[in-house]
Amino acid sequence: PSTVFEASGTNFPDALSAVPAAVATHGAIVLTNGAAQSSATLGYLGAHATIRYAVGGPAAWADPSAVALAGATRYATSQAVALAFFPNATGISVASGVTFPDALAGGVLAGTTNQPMLLVPPTGPLPEPPAAYLTTRHGMVTKSTVYGGTAAISNATVTAIGNALK
């Protein structure tokens, strides 16, 4: 694919946020070595990439010529990807930002249904970036899927997601 999403290979959240966008654009995800470019990724970019997105701060440092989709936190980065690729989404997918299995399992389905994968903490209040994305889409979003259910994200957080969409 000529559309490439770069994300750090040393931590998982940014790559998980990129999955639905890569699926929706028929793009590829390649990994950096944190804030440094890996030789394998550099080779792929030179041979194939026409459009490049750096998802997360480390990838943006590794490839300053890519379009940066990064926030101050993993939650803000998931919002940045959602805003860039799913500004008119009628459905949203949500998963914990502290573990990877649920977002990994749900990311491809989210992309095939044109939904972002918003990362949220498993407990506590919603961080401002995903809360703002949800609030600005109230009335537009008709479906939300919480991957991992309340075993992964608390009832209070699920309720906060619903309230942000009202």
Protein backbone atom coordinates (compact mmCIF):
# COMPACT_ATOMS: atom_id res chain seq x y z
CA PRO A 1 0.00 0.00 0.00
CA SER A 2 1.11 3.52 -0.73
CA THR A 3 -0.67 4.97 2.32
CA VAL A 4 1.39 4.19 5.39
CA PHE A 5 0.79 4.71 9.07
CA GLU A 6 3.91 4.72 11.21
CA ALA A 7 3.65 3.96 14.93
CA SER A 8 6.09 3.11 17.65
CA GLY A 9 6.96 -0.56 17.94
CA THR A 10 8.08 -0.10 21.54
CA ASN A 11 4.57 0.56 22.93
CA PHE A 12 1.18 -0.48 21.59
CA PRO A 13 -1.47 2.30 21.98
CA ASP A 14 -0.63 4.44 18.97
CA ALA A 15 -0.65 1.50 16.57
CA LEU A 16 -4.04 0.43 17.92
CA SER A 17 -5.48 3.86 17.19
CA ALA A 18 -4.13 3.62 13.64
CA VAL A 19 -5.71 0.24 12.78
CA PRO A 20 -9.20 1.47 11.76
CA ALA A 21 -7.72 4.30 9.66
CA ALA A 22 -5.34 1.87 7.93
CA VAL A 23 -8.22 -0.50 7.21
CA ALA A 24 -10.46 2.30 5.93
CA THR A 25 -7.75 3.65 3.59
CA HIS A 26 -6.37 0.23 2.59
CA GLY A 27 -3.09 1.36 4.11
CA ALA A 28 -0.29 -0.38 5.95
CA ILE A 29 1.03 0.06 9.47
CA VAL A 30 4.78 -0.04 9.90
CA LEU A 31 6.67 0.32 13.13
CA THR A 32 9.40 2.68 14.22
CA ASN A 33 11.93 1.91 16.91
CA GLY A 34 10.33 4.37 19.31
CA ALA A 35 11.46 7.86 18.32
CA ALA A 36 14.06 6.46 15.91
CA GLN A 37 13.38 5.15 12.45
CA SER A 38 13.98 1.44 11.93
CA SER A 39 15.92 0.38 8.86
CA ALA A 40 13.14 -1.99 7.72
CA THR A 41 10.55 0.79 7.96
CA LEU A 42 12.81 3.23 6.17
CA GLY A 43 13.25 0.73 3.35
CA TYR A 44 9.50 0.18 3.01
CA LEU A 45 8.80 3.91 3.04
CA GLY A 46 11.36 4.52 0.30
CA ALA A 47 9.93 1.79 -1.91
CA HIS A 48 6.18 2.17 -1.34
CA ALA A 49 4.96 5.15 0.65
CA THR A 50 3.28 8.03 -1.15
CA ILE A 51 1.23 9.25 1.81
CA ARG A 52 2.68 8.90 5.31
CA TYR A 53 1.10 9.47 8.70
CA ALA A 54 3.07 9.35 11.93
CA VAL A 55 0.70 8.22 14.68
CA GLY A 56 1.88 9.27 18.12
CA GLY A 57 4.76 11.40 19.32
CA PRO A 58 7.53 8.80 18.96
CA ALA A 59 6.63 8.09 15.31
CA ALA A 60 6.42 11.82 14.59
CA TRP A 61 9.96 12.19 15.95
CA ALA A 62 11.11 9.22 13.88
CA ASP A 63 9.64 10.65 10.66
CA PRO A 64 9.27 14.43 10.82
CA SER A 65 8.27 14.54 7.13
CA ALA A 66 5.10 12.49 7.79
CA VAL A 67 1.76 14.06 8.66
CA ALA A 68 1.78 13.92 12.45
CA LEU A 69 -1.30 12.60 14.23
CA ALA A 70 -0.18 12.90 17.81
CA GLY A 71 -1.47 14.12 21.11
CA ALA A 72 0.02 14.63 24.54
CA THR A 73 -1.38 11.26 25.67
CA ARG A 74 -2.47 7.99 24.08
CA TYR A 75 -6.06 9.19 24.49
CA ALA A 76 -5.34 12.45 22.66
CA THR A 77 -3.60 10.52 19.88
CA SER A 78 -6.66 8.30 19.41
CA GLN A 79 -8.76 11.47 19.17
CA ALA A 80 -6.35 12.95 16.59
CA VAL A 81 -6.71 9.85 14.38
CA ALA A 82 -10.50 9.89 14.85
CA LEU A 83 -10.73 13.55 13.84
CA ALA A 84 -8.49 13.09 10.81
CA PHE A 85 -10.09 9.95 9.40
CA PHE A 86 -13.57 9.70 10.92
CA PRO A 87 -14.90 13.26 11.26
CA ASN A 88 -18.46 12.21 10.37
CA ALA A 89 -18.57 8.77 11.97
CA THR A 90 -22.02 7.50 12.88
CA GLY A 91 -20.53 4.76 15.03
CA ILE A 92 -17.64 4.61 17.46
CA SER A 93 -15.54 1.85 18.92
CA VAL A 94 -13.98 2.15 22.35
CA ALA A 95 -11.35 0.06 24.13
CA SER A 96 -9.01 0.34 27.07
CA GLY A 97 -5.85 2.29 26.42
CA VAL A 98 -3.86 0.39 29.04
CA THR A 99 -4.11 -3.11 27.57
CA PHE A 100 -4.01 -4.13 23.93
CA PRO A 101 -6.13 -7.27 23.30
CA ASP A 102 -9.57 -5.66 23.03
CA ALA A 103 -8.51 -2.82 20.73
CA LEU A 104 -6.44 -5.26 18.68
CA ALA A 105 -9.44 -7.54 18.22
CA GLY A 106 -11.87 -4.70 17.49
CA GLY A 107 -9.71 -2.43 15.35
CA VAL A 108 -10.23 -4.23 12.05
CA LEU A 109 -14.00 -4.40 12.54
CA ALA A 110 -14.03 -0.72 13.47
CA GLY A 111 -12.20 0.14 10.26
CA THR A 112 -14.47 -1.96 8.05
CA THR A 113 -17.50 -0.18 9.54
CA ASN A 114 -15.86 3.26 9.20
CA GLN A 115 -15.51 3.82 12.94
CA PRO A 116 -12.59 5.18 14.94
CA MET A 117 -11.09 3.28 17.86
CA LEU A 118 -11.09 5.65 20.81
CA LEU A 119 -8.85 4.63 23.66
CA VAL A 120 -10.05 5.39 27.17
CA PRO A 121 -8.80 4.55 30.66
CA PRO A 122 -10.44 1.50 32.23
CA THR A 123 -11.72 3.52 35.21
CA GLY A 124 -12.15 7.10 36.24
CA PRO A 125 -13.36 10.08 34.27
CA LEU A 126 -13.06 10.26 30.51
CA PRO A 127 -10.00 12.24 29.46
CA GLU A 128 -10.84 15.49 27.68
CA PRO A 129 -9.74 14.43 24.17
CA PRO A 130 -12.06 11.42 23.72
CA ALA A 131 -14.81 13.17 25.70
CA ALA A 132 -14.60 16.17 23.34
CA TYR A 133 -14.72 13.93 20.26
CA LEU A 134 -17.81 12.15 21.62
CA THR A 135 -19.55 15.34 22.72
CA THR A 136 -19.15 16.98 19.32
CA ARG A 137 -20.75 13.94 17.70
CA HIS A 138 -23.85 13.68 19.85
CA GLY A 139 -26.83 13.14 17.63
CA MET A 140 -24.61 11.83 14.81
CA VAL A 141 -23.45 8.62 16.49
CA THR A 142 -26.10 5.92 16.43
CA LYS A 143 -23.92 2.98 17.48
CA SER A 144 -21.14 2.50 19.97
CA THR A 145 -19.21 -0.65 20.75
CA VAL A 146 -17.16 -1.08 23.91
CA TYR A 147 -14.62 -3.84 23.34
CA GLY A 148 -13.95 -5.93 26.40
CA GLY A 149 -17.16 -4.77 28.04
CA THR A 150 -17.22 -3.85 31.70
CA ALA A 151 -14.46 -6.37 32.43
CA ALA A 152 -12.11 -3.99 30.60
CA ILE A 153 -13.85 -0.63 31.04
CA SER A 154 -15.82 0.19 34.20
CA ASN A 155 -19.58 0.73 34.23
CA ALA A 156 -18.97 4.35 35.23
CA THR A 157 -16.72 4.93 32.21
CA VAL A 158 -19.22 3.24 29.88
CA THR A 159 -21.94 5.50 31.35
CA ALA A 160 -19.70 8.55 30.80
CA ILE A 161 -19.26 7.53 27.16
CA GLY A 162 -23.03 7.31 26.75
CA ASN A 163 -23.56 10.63 28.49
CA ALA A 164 -21.01 12.35 26.24
CA LEU A 165 -23.00 11.19 23.22
CA LYS A 166 -26.30 12.62 24.53
